[in-house]
Structure formats: structure tokens, C-alpha cells
N, C-alpha and C. Protein backbone atom coordinates (compact mmCIF):
# COMPACT_ATOMS: atom_id res chain seq x y z
N MET A 1 -7.70 -10.17 0.86
CA MET A 1 -7.19 -8.88 0.68
C MET A 1 -5.83 -8.65 1.04
N LYS A 2 -5.40 -9.26 2.19
CA LYS A 2 -4.13 -9.14 2.79
C LYS A 2 -3.04 -9.53 1.78
N ASN A 3 -3.28 -10.75 1.20
CA ASN A 3 -2.29 -11.22 0.23
C ASN A 3 -2.02 -10.42 -1.01
N ARG A 4 -3.11 -9.77 -1.45
CA ARG A 4 -3.18 -8.90 -2.48
C ARG A 4 -2.39 -7.63 -2.24
N ILE A 5 -2.59 -7.02 -1.02
CA ILE A 5 -1.75 -5.92 -0.53
C ILE A 5 -0.30 -6.26 -0.41
N LYS A 6 -0.03 -7.36 0.15
CA LYS A 6 1.41 -7.85 0.21
C LYS A 6 2.06 -7.91 -1.16
N SER A 7 1.39 -8.46 -2.24
CA SER A 7 1.84 -8.55 -3.50
C SER A 7 2.18 -7.17 -4.03
N VAL A 8 1.15 -6.31 -3.92
CA VAL A 8 1.35 -4.90 -4.38
C VAL A 8 2.56 -4.18 -3.75
N MET A 9 2.60 -4.36 -2.44
CA MET A 9 3.71 -3.64 -1.69
C MET A 9 5.08 -4.22 -2.20
N ALA A 10 5.17 -5.49 -2.35
CA ALA A 10 6.40 -6.19 -2.80
C ALA A 10 6.80 -5.70 -4.23
N LYS A 11 5.83 -5.51 -5.11
CA LYS A 11 6.03 -5.00 -6.45
C LYS A 11 6.45 -3.58 -6.34
N ALA A 12 5.81 -2.80 -5.61
CA ALA A 12 6.18 -1.41 -5.53
C ALA A 12 7.57 -1.08 -4.92
N PHE A 13 7.94 -1.84 -3.94
CA PHE A 13 9.12 -1.61 -3.22
C PHE A 13 10.27 -2.44 -3.74
N GLY A 14 9.96 -3.37 -4.67
CA GLY A 14 11.05 -4.20 -5.19
C GLY A 14 11.66 -5.25 -4.22
N VAL A 15 10.81 -5.74 -3.35
CA VAL A 15 11.26 -6.70 -2.28
C VAL A 15 10.47 -8.01 -2.48
N PRO A 16 11.05 -9.17 -1.95
CA PRO A 16 10.29 -10.38 -2.03
C PRO A 16 8.85 -10.30 -1.21
N LYS A 17 7.90 -10.84 -1.76
CA LYS A 17 6.71 -10.90 -0.99
C LYS A 17 6.66 -11.32 0.47
N ASP A 18 7.62 -12.33 0.73
CA ASP A 18 7.67 -12.77 2.05
C ASP A 18 8.44 -11.84 2.99
N GLN A 19 8.93 -10.74 2.54
CA GLN A 19 9.46 -9.73 3.40
C GLN A 19 8.35 -8.80 3.93
N ILE A 20 7.13 -8.79 3.21
CA ILE A 20 6.08 -7.91 3.58
C ILE A 20 5.22 -8.66 4.62
N THR A 21 5.07 -7.94 5.82
CA THR A 21 4.22 -8.56 6.90
C THR A 21 3.22 -7.54 7.22
N GLU A 22 2.32 -7.87 8.19
CA GLU A 22 1.30 -6.92 8.62
C GLU A 22 1.90 -5.95 9.55
N GLN A 23 3.22 -6.05 9.89
CA GLN A 23 3.83 -5.06 10.68
C GLN A 23 4.68 -4.12 9.89
N SER A 24 4.76 -4.40 8.58
CA SER A 24 5.60 -3.64 7.57
C SER A 24 5.15 -2.16 7.60
N ASN A 25 6.13 -1.32 7.58
CA ASN A 25 5.86 0.25 7.48
C ASN A 25 6.98 0.86 6.76
N GLN A 26 6.91 2.17 6.71
CA GLN A 26 7.96 2.92 6.01
C GLN A 26 9.29 2.83 6.73
N ASP A 27 9.38 2.49 8.03
CA ASP A 27 10.62 2.41 8.66
C ASP A 27 11.21 0.91 8.46
N THR A 28 10.41 -0.02 8.22
CA THR A 28 10.98 -1.39 8.09
C THR A 28 11.33 -1.79 6.61
N ILE A 29 10.85 -0.94 5.68
CA ILE A 29 11.12 -1.37 4.31
C ILE A 29 12.18 -0.29 3.73
N GLU A 30 13.37 -0.67 3.53
CA GLU A 30 14.47 0.31 3.22
C GLU A 30 14.17 1.07 1.98
N SER A 31 13.49 0.42 0.99
CA SER A 31 13.34 1.13 -0.34
C SER A 31 12.08 2.09 -0.30
N TRP A 32 11.37 2.10 0.78
CA TRP A 32 10.23 3.06 0.89
C TRP A 32 10.61 4.48 0.94
N ASP A 33 10.56 5.09 -0.16
CA ASP A 33 10.77 6.50 -0.37
C ASP A 33 9.59 7.20 -1.07
N SER A 34 9.71 8.43 -1.37
CA SER A 34 8.52 9.20 -1.93
C SER A 34 8.18 8.52 -3.35
N ILE A 35 9.15 8.28 -4.05
CA ILE A 35 8.92 7.73 -5.46
C ILE A 35 8.19 6.44 -5.32
N HIS A 36 8.76 5.47 -4.52
CA HIS A 36 8.16 4.20 -4.35
C HIS A 36 6.77 4.26 -3.76
N HIS A 37 6.61 5.28 -2.92
CA HIS A 37 5.30 5.40 -2.24
C HIS A 37 4.13 5.78 -3.39
N MET A 38 4.58 6.64 -4.28
CA MET A 38 3.71 7.01 -5.37
C MET A 38 3.38 5.75 -6.30
N HIS A 39 4.41 4.99 -6.53
CA HIS A 39 4.18 3.69 -7.27
C HIS A 39 3.19 2.77 -6.59
N LEU A 40 3.37 2.70 -5.24
CA LEU A 40 2.51 1.92 -4.46
C LEU A 40 1.02 2.38 -4.51
N ILE A 41 0.76 3.76 -4.54
CA ILE A 41 -0.56 4.25 -4.57
C ILE A 41 -1.19 3.79 -5.98
N VAL A 42 -0.44 4.05 -6.97
CA VAL A 42 -0.94 3.81 -8.35
C VAL A 42 -1.17 2.32 -8.50
N PHE A 43 -0.23 1.37 -7.93
CA PHE A 43 -0.50 0.00 -8.02
C PHE A 43 -1.73 -0.50 -7.24
N LEU A 44 -1.87 0.13 -6.10
CA LEU A 44 -3.11 -0.22 -5.29
C LEU A 44 -4.37 0.15 -5.88
N GLU A 45 -4.44 1.38 -6.57
CA GLU A 45 -5.53 1.84 -7.15
C GLU A 45 -5.95 0.92 -8.34
N ARG A 46 -4.96 0.47 -9.13
CA ARG A 46 -5.15 -0.40 -10.27
C ARG A 46 -5.62 -1.90 -9.66
N GLU A 47 -5.02 -2.40 -8.71
CA GLU A 47 -5.26 -3.71 -8.18
C GLU A 47 -6.62 -3.79 -7.61
N PHE A 48 -7.03 -2.74 -6.93
CA PHE A 48 -8.30 -2.80 -6.20
C PHE A 48 -9.42 -2.00 -6.87
N ASP A 49 -9.05 -1.46 -8.00
CA ASP A 49 -10.04 -0.57 -8.86
C ASP A 49 -10.74 0.47 -7.90
N ILE A 50 -9.88 1.25 -7.28
CA ILE A 50 -10.33 2.38 -6.40
C ILE A 50 -9.56 3.61 -6.78
N THR A 51 -10.10 4.72 -6.24
CA THR A 51 -9.35 6.04 -6.28
C THR A 51 -9.10 6.34 -4.76
N ILE A 52 -7.79 6.51 -4.52
CA ILE A 52 -7.45 6.92 -3.10
C ILE A 52 -7.49 8.37 -3.02
N PRO A 53 -8.25 8.91 -2.09
CA PRO A 53 -8.35 10.37 -1.91
C PRO A 53 -7.04 10.94 -1.61
N ASP A 54 -6.66 12.21 -2.27
CA ASP A 54 -5.36 12.73 -1.95
C ASP A 54 -5.01 12.94 -0.45
N GLU A 55 -5.99 13.20 0.39
CA GLU A 55 -5.79 13.41 1.74
C GLU A 55 -5.30 12.20 2.51
N MET A 56 -5.57 10.94 1.92
CA MET A 56 -5.16 9.70 2.51
C MET A 56 -3.81 9.21 2.03
N VAL A 57 -3.36 9.65 0.84
CA VAL A 57 -2.17 9.17 0.27
C VAL A 57 -1.00 9.28 1.30
N GLY A 58 -0.83 10.28 1.91
CA GLY A 58 0.32 10.54 2.79
C GLY A 58 0.20 9.84 4.12
N LYS A 59 -0.95 9.31 4.41
CA LYS A 59 -1.21 8.68 5.66
C LYS A 59 -0.99 7.11 5.58
N MET A 60 -0.78 6.64 4.29
CA MET A 60 -0.66 5.18 4.10
C MET A 60 0.74 4.77 4.20
N ILE A 61 1.25 4.82 5.56
CA ILE A 61 2.71 4.54 5.83
C ILE A 61 2.95 3.25 6.42
N SER A 62 1.90 2.34 6.47
CA SER A 62 2.15 0.96 7.06
C SER A 62 1.04 0.00 6.41
N PHE A 63 1.45 -1.24 6.52
CA PHE A 63 0.50 -2.29 5.97
C PHE A 63 -0.89 -2.06 6.56
N LYS A 64 -1.04 -1.88 7.88
CA LYS A 64 -2.37 -1.78 8.58
C LYS A 64 -3.07 -0.51 8.03
N LEU A 65 -2.39 0.62 7.86
CA LEU A 65 -3.11 1.77 7.38
C LEU A 65 -3.49 1.68 5.92
N ILE A 66 -2.66 0.97 5.16
CA ILE A 66 -2.99 0.70 3.79
C ILE A 66 -4.31 -0.11 3.65
N GLU A 67 -4.34 -1.10 4.49
CA GLU A 67 -5.55 -2.04 4.51
C GLU A 67 -6.77 -1.16 4.97
N THR A 68 -6.64 -0.39 5.92
CA THR A 68 -7.84 0.46 6.42
C THR A 68 -8.24 1.49 5.37
N VAL A 69 -7.33 2.03 4.63
CA VAL A 69 -7.70 3.01 3.53
C VAL A 69 -8.52 2.26 2.40
N ILE A 70 -7.99 1.15 2.05
CA ILE A 70 -8.58 0.29 0.90
C ILE A 70 -9.99 -0.13 1.39
N GLN A 71 -10.13 -0.55 2.59
CA GLN A 71 -11.45 -0.88 3.07
C GLN A 71 -12.53 0.28 3.02
N LYS A 72 -11.96 1.51 3.47
CA LYS A 72 -12.78 2.65 3.45
C LYS A 72 -13.16 3.11 2.01
N CYS A 73 -12.26 2.93 1.06
CA CYS A 73 -12.55 3.24 -0.36
C CYS A 73 -13.57 2.35 -0.87
N HIS A 74 -13.51 1.09 -0.49
CA HIS A 74 -14.52 0.06 -0.97
C HIS A 74 -15.88 0.40 -0.46
N GLU A 75 -15.98 0.81 0.83
CA GLU A 75 -17.22 1.10 1.51
C GLU A 75 -17.92 2.34 0.97
N SER A 76 -17.05 3.26 0.49
CA SER A 76 -17.65 4.60 -0.05
C SER A 76 -17.92 4.46 -1.47
N ALA A 77 -17.51 3.41 -2.16
CA ALA A 77 -17.83 3.26 -3.62
C ALA A 77 -19.21 2.82 -3.96
């Protein structure tokens, strides 16, 4: 799952995949703004075939939080 998340984040933020680490967050990725954040959400929903609840979208500000939300979405599906 981690590699898939890294690939999606790289695509959403227009950076090389090797720049995405488990410590990546909105402060370490220069291109992470509100527009790119929404691209990230859409790409994650497509990649993992999930629907991310609206209340979780704004909380997904780091690799670790993204991973946690995806896991919770899979558990509730």
C-alpha cells in the first residue's frame, strides 16, 4: 500500500516518486496547495476504489495520515 500511496502523491503533486517518503507532509512538499490536495483525494479514491468522507479530506495532510484514512476506509467498506 505504501508504494501505491507514494505513486499517487507523486502524481498529484508533480514530483518524482523518490521525493515522497513516510515523513512527507504539506510542509515538506512545496507544490502541496488546495488544488493539488483535491487532485490527491480524487487520485486516491480512484487508486484504492474508496470514497473518502468529507470530514477526513482536510485531515489528510501527511503520508501517515493518508495511510491511516485509507486503512479506515477499507475497514468500513
